[in-house]
């Protein structure tokens, strides 16, 4: 949004919150139980790998990030109406921080939705492969 040092610090702080959250989640016993379930680890690799690939492909990554950014800025500005930075800037440090958090949340929800589709595809293909294998064993 702005290249002012305090706005950059607010963005970095928002990203740091996600780093801490992911680290905290990955340290839980529940996470280790879930990630070892069939197809879950592969789903996570495909999901986050796709997100990285999309970020590298210029028009697609830009579109996804811009869409979530516009939604985030609009929502945060509507919630923080009347709350301006001291110097009258359109976004306060709090606004930039909250926008960063909201955009990160939206991006993670998109990736999670995509990962649900990937997981479903993996489960369906495993079921079909199992039935085909079973059919071949029966025929033999």
Foldseek 3Di string as FASTA:
>chain_A
DDPDPLLVVLLVVLVVVVVVVVVVLCPDPVVVVVCPPPPNVVLVCVLVVVLVVLCVPPPRNCVLLVVLLVVLLVVLCVVCPPPADPVRDSAHSVSSNSSSNSSVVVVVVVSVVVSVVVSVVVVVVVVVVVVVVVVVVVVD
